[in-house]
PDB file of all heavy atoms in Angstrom:
ATOM      1  N   ASP A   1       2.245   9.879   2.746  1.00  0.00           N
ATOM      2  CA  ASP A   1       2.123   8.996   3.901  1.00  0.00           C
ATOM      3  C   ASP A   1       1.895   7.553   3.471  1.00  0.00           C
ATOM      4  O   ASP A   1       2.450   6.617   4.060  1.00  0.00           O
ATOM      5  CB  ASP A   1       0.984   9.458   4.808  1.00  0.00           C
ATOM      6  CG  ASP A   1       0.956   8.692   6.121  1.00  0.00           C
ATOM      7  OD1 ASP A   1       2.032   8.524   6.734  1.00  0.00           O
ATOM      8  OD2 ASP A   1      -0.130   8.247   6.526  1.00  0.00           O
ATOM      9  N   VAL A   2       1.103   7.352   2.413  1.00  0.00           N
ATOM     10  CA  VAL A   2       0.872   5.988   1.914  1.00  0.00           C
ATOM     11  C   VAL A   2       2.198   5.370   1.466  1.00  0.00           C
ATOM     12  O   VAL A   2       2.492   4.206   1.769  1.00  0.00           O
ATOM     13  CB  VAL A   2      -0.154   5.983   0.762  1.00  0.00           C
ATOM     14  CG1 VAL A   2      -0.224   4.608   0.099  1.00  0.00           C
ATOM     15  CG2 VAL A   2      -1.537   6.390   1.276  1.00  0.00           C
ATOM     16  N   ARG A   3       3.020   6.153   0.747  1.00  0.00           N
ATOM     17  CA  ARG A   3       4.320   5.627   0.301  1.00  0.00           C
ATOM     18  C   ARG A   3       5.216   5.288   1.494  1.00  0.00           C
ATOM     19  O   ARG A   3       5.871   4.240   1.529  1.00  0.00           O
ATOM     20  CB  ARG A   3       5.014   6.642  -0.611  1.00  0.00           C
ATOM     21  CG  ARG A   3       4.286   6.884  -1.915  1.00  0.00           C
ATOM     22  CD  ARG A   3       5.132   7.642  -2.923  1.00  0.00           C
ATOM     23  NE  ARG A   3       5.593   8.933  -2.482  1.00  0.00           N
ATOM     24  CZ  ARG A   3       4.951  10.091  -2.684  1.00  0.00           C
ATOM     25  NH1 ARG A   3       3.775  10.101  -3.309  1.00  0.00           N
ATOM     26  NH2 ARG A   3       5.466  11.232  -2.280  1.00  0.00           N
ATOM     27  N   ARG A   4       5.246   6.169   2.481  1.00  0.00           N
ATOM     28  CA  ARG A   4       6.095   5.925   3.649  1.00  0.00           C
ATOM     29  C   ARG A   4       5.633   4.698   4.426  1.00  0.00           C
ATOM     30  O   ARG A   4       6.453   3.889   4.881  1.00  0.00           O
ATOM     31  CB  ARG A   4       6.094   7.156   4.564  1.00  0.00           C
ATOM     32  CG  ARG A   4       6.904   8.302   3.991  1.00  0.00           C
ATOM     33  CD  ARG A   4       7.016   9.454   4.975  1.00  0.00           C
ATOM     34  NE  ARG A   4       7.854  10.493   4.401  1.00  0.00           N
ATOM     35  CZ  ARG A   4       7.599  11.790   4.451  1.00  0.00           C
ATOM     36  NH1 ARG A   4       6.515  12.219   5.062  1.00  0.00           N
ATOM     37  NH2 ARG A   4       8.413  12.659   3.907  1.00  0.00           N
ATOM     38  N   ARG A   5       4.327   4.570   4.604  1.00  0.00           N
ATOM     39  CA  ARG A   5       3.794   3.413   5.326  1.00  0.00           C
ATOM     40  C   ARG A   5       4.139   2.119   4.588  1.00  0.00           C
ATOM     41  O   ARG A   5       4.502   1.118   5.203  1.00  0.00           O
ATOM     42  CB  ARG A   5       2.276   3.550   5.513  1.00  0.00           C
ATOM     43  CG  ARG A   5       1.882   4.678   6.457  1.00  0.00           C
ATOM     44  CD  ARG A   5       0.367   4.818   6.554  1.00  0.00           C
ATOM     45  NE  ARG A   5      -0.207   3.677   7.240  1.00  0.00           N
ATOM     46  CZ  ARG A   5      -0.291   3.551   8.562  1.00  0.00           C
ATOM     47  NH1 ARG A   5       0.144   4.516   9.356  1.00  0.00           N
ATOM     48  NH2 ARG A   5      -0.828   2.470   9.102  1.00  0.00           N
ATOM     49  N   THR A   6       4.024   2.153   3.272  1.00  0.00           N
ATOM     50  CA  THR A   6       4.363   0.965   2.477  1.00  0.00           C
ATOM     51  C   THR A   6       5.827   0.598   2.682  1.00  0.00           C
ATOM     52  O   THR A   6       6.168  -0.570   2.897  1.00  0.00           O
ATOM     53  CB  THR A   6       4.086   1.230   0.982  1.00  0.00           C
ATOM     54  OG1 THR A   6       2.707   1.559   0.816  1.00  0.00           O
ATOM     55  CG2 THR A   6       4.413   0.015   0.143  1.00  0.00           C
ATOM     56  N   ARG A   7       6.671   1.609   2.655  1.00  0.00           N
ATOM     57  CA  ARG A   7       8.103   1.359   2.754  1.00  0.00           C
ATOM     58  C   ARG A   7       8.486   0.721   4.087  1.00  0.00           C
ATOM     59  O   ARG A   7       9.375  -0.122   4.148  1.00  0.00           O
ATOM     60  CB  ARG A   7       8.879   2.673   2.555  1.00  0.00           C
ATOM     61  CG  ARG A   7      10.371   2.458   2.371  1.00  0.00           C
ATOM     62  CD  ARG A   7      11.096   3.741   2.011  1.00  0.00           C
ATOM     63  NE  ARG A   7      11.037   4.704   3.083  1.00  0.00           N
ATOM     64  CZ  ARG A   7      10.497   5.923   2.979  1.00  0.00           C
ATOM     65  NH1 ARG A   7       9.957   6.320   1.846  1.00  0.00           N
ATOM     66  NH2 ARG A   7      10.499   6.753   3.995  1.00  0.00           N
ATOM     67  N   VAL A   8       7.800   1.115   5.165  1.00  0.00           N
ATOM     68  CA  VAL A   8       8.182   0.586   6.482  1.00  0.00           C
ATOM     69  C   VAL A   8       7.285  -0.565   6.927  1.00  0.00           C
ATOM     70  O   VAL A   8       7.381  -1.042   8.060  1.00  0.00           O
ATOM     71  CB  VAL A   8       8.196   1.704   7.563  1.00  0.00           C
ATOM     72  CG1 VAL A   8       9.218   2.764   7.197  1.00  0.00           C
ATOM     73  CG2 VAL A   8       6.811   2.302   7.771  1.00  0.00           C
ATOM     74  N   GLY A   9       6.395  -1.021   6.021  1.00  0.00           N
ATOM     75  CA  GLY A   9       5.607  -2.207   6.314  1.00  0.00           C
ATOM     76  C   GLY A   9       4.352  -1.973   7.138  1.00  0.00           C
ATOM     77  O   GLY A   9       3.802  -2.921   7.715  1.00  0.00           O
ATOM     78  N   LEU A  10       3.872  -0.736   7.218  1.00  0.00           N
ATOM     79  CA  LEU A  10       2.620  -0.459   7.930  1.00  0.00           C
ATOM     80  C   LEU A  10       1.440  -0.636   6.970  1.00  0.00           C
ATOM     81  O   LEU A  10       1.589  -0.477   5.757  1.00  0.00           O
ATOM     82  CB  LEU A  10       2.627   0.966   8.496  1.00  0.00           C
ATOM     83  CG  LEU A  10       3.611   1.200   9.648  1.00  0.00           C
ATOM     84  CD1 LEU A  10       3.662   2.684  10.004  1.00  0.00           C
ATOM     85  CD2 LEU A  10       3.215   0.369  10.863  1.00  0.00           C
ATOM     86  N   PRO A  11       0.254  -0.941   7.493  1.00  0.00           N
ATOM     87  CA  PRO A  11      -0.887  -1.188   6.607  1.00  0.00           C
ATOM     88  C   PRO A  11      -1.365   0.072   5.892  1.00  0.00           C
ATOM     89  O   PRO A  11      -1.325   1.168   6.466  1.00  0.00           O
ATOM     90  CB  PRO A  11      -1.974  -1.715   7.559  1.00  0.00           C
ATOM     91  CG  PRO A  11      -1.585  -1.234   8.912  1.00  0.00           C
ATOM     92  CD  PRO A  11      -0.089  -1.142   8.916  1.00  0.00           C
ATOM     93  N   ILE A  12      -1.806  -0.116   4.651  1.00  0.00           N
ATOM     94  CA  ILE A  12      -2.393   0.991   3.895  1.00  0.00           C
ATOM     95  C   ILE A  12      -3.851   0.703   3.543  1.00  0.00           C
ATOM     96  O   ILE A  12      -4.512   1.514   2.912  1.00  0.00           O
ATOM     97  CB  ILE A  12      -1.591   1.318   2.613  1.00  0.00           C
ATOM     98  CG1 ILE A  12      -1.515   0.102   1.683  1.00  0.00           C
ATOM     99  CG2 ILE A  12      -0.201   1.835   2.977  1.00  0.00           C
ATOM    100  CD1 ILE A  12      -0.925   0.424   0.311  1.00  0.00           C
ATOM    101  N   ARG A  13      -4.353  -0.452   3.977  1.00  0.00           N
ATOM    102  CA  ARG A  13      -5.762  -0.756   3.756  1.00  0.00           C
ATOM    103  C   ARG A  13      -6.602   0.288   4.479  1.00  0.00           C
ATOM    104  O   ARG A  13      -6.238   0.749   5.552  1.00  0.00           O
ATOM    105  CB  ARG A  13      -6.082  -2.157   4.270  1.00  0.00           C
ATOM    106  CG  ARG A  13      -7.417  -2.639   3.750  1.00  0.00           C
ATOM    107  CD  ARG A  13      -7.630  -4.102   4.005  1.00  0.00           C
ATOM    108  NE  ARG A  13      -8.981  -4.468   3.615  1.00  0.00           N
ATOM    109  CZ  ARG A  13      -9.600  -5.558   3.998  1.00  0.00           C
ATOM    110  NH1 ARG A  13      -8.981  -6.407   4.786  1.00  0.00           N
ATOM    111  NH2 ARG A  13     -10.825  -5.819   3.614  1.00  0.00           N
ATOM    112  N   TYR A  14      -7.697   0.675   3.906  1.00  0.00           N
ATOM    113  CA  TYR A  14      -8.583   1.744   4.381  1.00  0.00           C
ATOM    114  C   TYR A  14      -8.025   3.130   4.092  1.00  0.00           C
ATOM    115  O   TYR A  14      -8.658   4.130   4.418  1.00  0.00           O
ATOM    116  CB  TYR A  14      -8.934   1.594   5.872  1.00  0.00           C
ATOM    117  CG  TYR A  14      -9.446   0.220   6.199  1.00  0.00           C
ATOM    118  CD1 TYR A  14      -8.742  -0.610   7.068  1.00  0.00           C
ATOM    119  CD2 TYR A  14     -10.607  -0.272   5.601  1.00  0.00           C
ATOM    120  CE1 TYR A  14      -9.194  -1.889   7.352  1.00  0.00           C
ATOM    121  CE2 TYR A  14     -11.064  -1.558   5.879  1.00  0.00           C
ATOM    122  CZ  TYR A  14     -10.358  -2.359   6.748  1.00  0.00           C
ATOM    123  OH  TYR A  14     -10.806  -3.623   7.016  1.00  0.00           O
ATOM    124  N   LEU A  15      -6.846   3.215   3.496  1.00  0.00           N
ATOM    125  CA  LEU A  15      -6.311   4.489   3.012  1.00  0.00           C
ATOM    126  C   LEU A  15      -6.410   4.567   1.497  1.00  0.00           C
ATOM    127  O   LEU A  15      -6.562   5.655   0.935  1.00  0.00           O
ATOM    128  CB  LEU A  15      -4.849   4.668   3.435  1.00  0.00           C
ATOM    129  CG  LEU A  15      -4.570   4.645   4.940  1.00  0.00           C
ATOM    130  CD1 LEU A  15      -3.069   4.786   5.191  1.00  0.00           C
ATOM    131  CD2 LEU A  15      -5.342   5.741   5.661  1.00  0.00           C
ATOM    132  N   VAL A  16      -6.293   3.411   0.846  1.00  0.00           N
ATOM    133  CA  VAL A  16      -6.424   3.311  -0.614  1.00  0.00           C
ATOM    134  C   VAL A  16      -7.442   2.213  -0.904  1.00  0.00           C
ATOM    135  O   VAL A  16      -7.691   1.352  -0.057  1.00  0.00           O
ATOM    136  CB  VAL A  16      -5.069   2.973  -1.298  1.00  0.00           C
ATOM    137  CG1 VAL A  16      -4.024   4.046  -1.019  1.00  0.00           C
ATOM    138  CG2 VAL A  16      -4.559   1.601  -0.864  1.00  0.00           C
ATOM    139  N   PRO A  17      -8.051   2.201  -2.095  1.00  0.00           N
ATOM    140  CA  PRO A  17      -8.935   1.085  -2.430  1.00  0.00           C
ATOM    141  C   PRO A  17      -8.171  -0.233  -2.334  1.00  0.00           C
ATOM    142  O   PRO A  17      -6.969  -0.291  -2.585  1.00  0.00           O
ATOM    143  CB  PRO A  17      -9.341   1.378  -3.879  1.00  0.00           C
ATOM    144  CG  PRO A  17      -9.179   2.851  -4.032  1.00  0.00           C
ATOM    145  CD  PRO A  17      -8.005   3.212  -3.171  1.00  0.00           C
ATOM    146  N   ARG A  18      -8.880  -1.292  -1.965  1.00  0.00           N
ATOM    147  CA  ARG A  18      -8.209  -2.585  -1.796  1.00  0.00           C
ATOM    148  C   ARG A  18      -7.497  -3.012  -3.075  1.00  0.00           C
ATOM    149  O   ARG A  18      -6.394  -3.564  -3.036  1.00  0.00           O
ATOM    150  CB  ARG A  18      -9.230  -3.651  -1.379  1.00  0.00           C
ATOM    151  CG  ARG A  18      -8.574  -4.982  -1.113  1.00  0.00           C
ATOM    152  CD  ARG A  18      -9.483  -5.927  -0.392  1.00  0.00           C
ATOM    153  NE  ARG A  18      -8.738  -7.120   0.003  1.00  0.00           N
ATOM    154  CZ  ARG A  18      -9.168  -7.979   0.894  1.00  0.00           C
ATOM    155  NH1 ARG A  18     -10.307  -7.783   1.511  1.00  0.00           N
ATOM    156  NH2 ARG A  18      -8.454  -9.055   1.181  1.00  0.00           N
ATOM    157  N   SER A  19      -8.127  -2.750  -4.234  1.00  0.00           N
ATOM    158  CA  SER A  19      -7.501  -3.135  -5.503  1.00  0.00           C
ATOM    159  C   SER A  19      -6.175  -2.408  -5.706  1.00  0.00           C
ATOM    160  O   SER A  19      -5.231  -2.961  -6.273  1.00  0.00           O
ATOM    161  CB  SER A  19      -8.451  -2.841  -6.670  1.00  0.00           C
ATOM    162  OG  SER A  19      -8.797  -1.460  -6.702  1.00  0.00           O
ATOM    163  N   VAL A  20      -6.098  -1.162  -5.224  1.00  0.00           N
ATOM    164  CA  VAL A  20      -4.859  -0.388  -5.345  1.00  0.00           C
ATOM    165  C   VAL A  20      -3.806  -0.932  -4.380  1.00  0.00           C
ATOM    166  O   VAL A  20      -2.628  -1.071  -4.742  1.00  0.00           O
ATOM    167  CB  VAL A  20      -5.134   1.109  -5.112  1.00  0.00           C
ATOM    168  CG1 VAL A  20      -3.832   1.907  -5.022  1.00  0.00           C
ATOM    169  CG2 VAL A  20      -6.019   1.665  -6.235  1.00  0.00           C
ATOM    170  N   ALA A  21      -4.222  -1.266  -3.167  1.00  0.00           N
ATOM    171  CA  ALA A  21      -3.275  -1.862  -2.208  1.00  0.00           C
ATOM    172  C   ALA A  21      -2.703  -3.166  -2.764  1.00  0.00           C
ATOM    173  O   ALA A  21      -1.498  -3.431  -2.662  1.00  0.00           O
ATOM    174  CB  ALA A  21      -3.968  -2.111  -0.868  1.00  0.00           C
ATOM    175  N   ASP A  22      -3.566  -3.983  -3.369  1.00  0.00           N
ATOM    176  CA  ASP A  22      -3.114  -5.240  -3.956  1.00  0.00           C
ATOM    177  C   ASP A  22      -2.139  -4.991  -5.102  1.00  0.00           C
ATOM    178  O   ASP A  22      -1.144  -5.708  -5.266  1.00  0.00           O
ATOM    179  CB  ASP A  22      -4.310  -6.053  -4.461  1.00  0.00           C
ATOM    180  CG  ASP A  22      -5.171  -6.601  -3.324  1.00  0.00           C
ATOM    181  OD1 ASP A  22      -4.714  -6.586  -2.158  1.00  0.00           O
ATOM    182  OD2 ASP A  22      -6.309  -7.026  -3.611  1.00  0.00           O
ATOM    183  N   TYR A  23      -2.422  -3.959  -5.912  1.00  0.00           N
ATOM    184  CA  TYR A  23      -1.549  -3.630  -7.047  1.00  0.00           C
ATOM    185  C   TYR A  23      -0.174  -3.177  -6.551  1.00  0.00           C
ATOM    186  O   TYR A  23       0.864  -3.579  -7.094  1.00  0.00           O
ATOM    187  CB  TYR A  23      -2.201  -2.534  -7.898  1.00  0.00           C
ATOM    188  CG  TYR A  23      -1.434  -2.190  -9.153  1.00  0.00           C
ATOM    189  CD1 TYR A  23      -1.727  -2.809 -10.363  1.00  0.00           C
ATOM    190  CD2 TYR A  23      -0.405  -1.246  -9.139  1.00  0.00           C
ATOM    191  CE1 TYR A  23      -1.018  -2.502 -11.513  1.00  0.00           C
ATOM    192  CE2 TYR A  23       0.307  -0.932 -10.288  1.00  0.00           C
ATOM    193  CZ  TYR A  23      -0.006  -1.564 -11.473  1.00  0.00           C
ATOM    194  OH  TYR A  23       0.704  -1.267 -12.618  1.00  0.00           O
ATOM    195  N   ILE A  24      -0.177  -2.340  -5.521  1.00  0.00           N
ATOM    196  CA  ILE A  24       1.095  -1.860  -4.952  1.00  0.00           C
ATOM    197  C   ILE A  24       1.936  -3.042  -4.475  1.00  0.00           C
ATOM    198  O   ILE A  24       3.139  -3.128  -4.751  1.00  0.00           O
ATOM    199  CB  ILE A  24       0.819  -0.867  -3.806  1.00  0.00           C
ATOM    200  CG1 ILE A  24       0.283   0.456  -4.380  1.00  0.00           C
ATOM    201  CG2 ILE A  24       2.071  -0.621  -2.965  1.00  0.00           C
ATOM    202  CD1 ILE A  24      -0.266   1.418  -3.341  1.00  0.00           C
ATOM    203  N   ALA A  25       1.287  -3.980  -3.770  1.00  0.00           N
ATOM    204  CA  ALA A  25       2.010  -5.151  -3.259  1.00  0.00           C
ATOM    205  C   ALA A  25       2.496  -6.042  -4.402  1.00  0.00           C
ATOM    206  O   ALA A  25       3.654  -6.487  -4.409  1.00  0.00           O
ATOM    207  CB  ALA A  25       1.099  -5.939  -2.315  1.00  0.00           C
ATOM    208  N   ALA A  26       1.632  -6.276  -5.380  1.00  0.00           N
ATOM    209  CA  ALA A  26       1.981  -7.185  -6.479  1.00  0.00           C
ATOM    210  C   ALA A  26       3.130  -6.640  -7.315  1.00  0.00           C
ATOM    211  O   ALA A  26       3.923  -7.405  -7.870  1.00  0.00           O
ATOM    212  CB  ALA A  26       0.758  -7.431  -7.363  1.00  0.00           C
ATOM    213  N   ASN A  27       3.227  -5.307  -7.408  1.00  0.00           N
ATOM    214  CA  ASN A  27       4.255  -4.694  -8.253  1.00  0.00           C
ATOM    215  C   ASN A  27       5.443  -4.155  -7.459  1.00  0.00           C
ATOM    216  O   ASN A  27       6.347  -3.544  -8.035  1.00  0.00           O
ATOM    217  CB  ASN A  27       3.633  -3.581  -9.095  1.00  0.00           C
ATOM    218  CG  ASN A  27       2.730  -4.131 -10.176  1.00  0.00           C
ATOM    219  OD1 ASN A  27       3.193  -4.527 -11.235  1.00  0.00           O
ATOM    220  ND2 ASN A  27       1.428  -4.182  -9.897  1.00  0.00           N
ATOM    221  N   GLY A  28       5.419  -4.368  -6.153  1.00  0.00           N
ATOM    222  CA  GLY A  28       6.546  -3.932  -5.329  1.00  0.00           C
ATOM    223  C   GLY A  28       6.768  -2.434  -5.346  1.00  0.00           C
ATOM    224  O   GLY A  28       7.910  -1.971  -5.220  1.00  0.00           O
ATOM    225  N   LEU A  29       5.686  -1.664  -5.477  1.00  0.00           N
ATOM    226  CA  LEU A  29       5.835  -0.207  -5.528  1.00  0.00           C
ATOM    227  C   LEU A  29       6.099   0.357  -4.130  1.00  0.00           C
ATOM    228  O   LEU A  29       5.560  -0.135  -3.135  1.00  0.00           O
ATOM    229  CB  LEU A  29       4.570   0.446  -6.092  1.00  0.00           C
ATOM    230  CG  LEU A  29       4.161   0.054  -7.502  1.00  0.00           C
ATOM    231  CD1 LEU A  29       2.928   0.850  -7.927  1.00  0.00           C
ATOM    232  CD2 LEU A  29       5.299   0.311  -8.490  1.00  0.00           C
TER     233      LEU A  29
END
């Protein structure tokens, strides 16, 4: 679900640690 939300632009904050959300965004995962 986290991957799908990322792909369609929905928020993942409060689902993953903030540092992980930032890493996903910074690396385009």
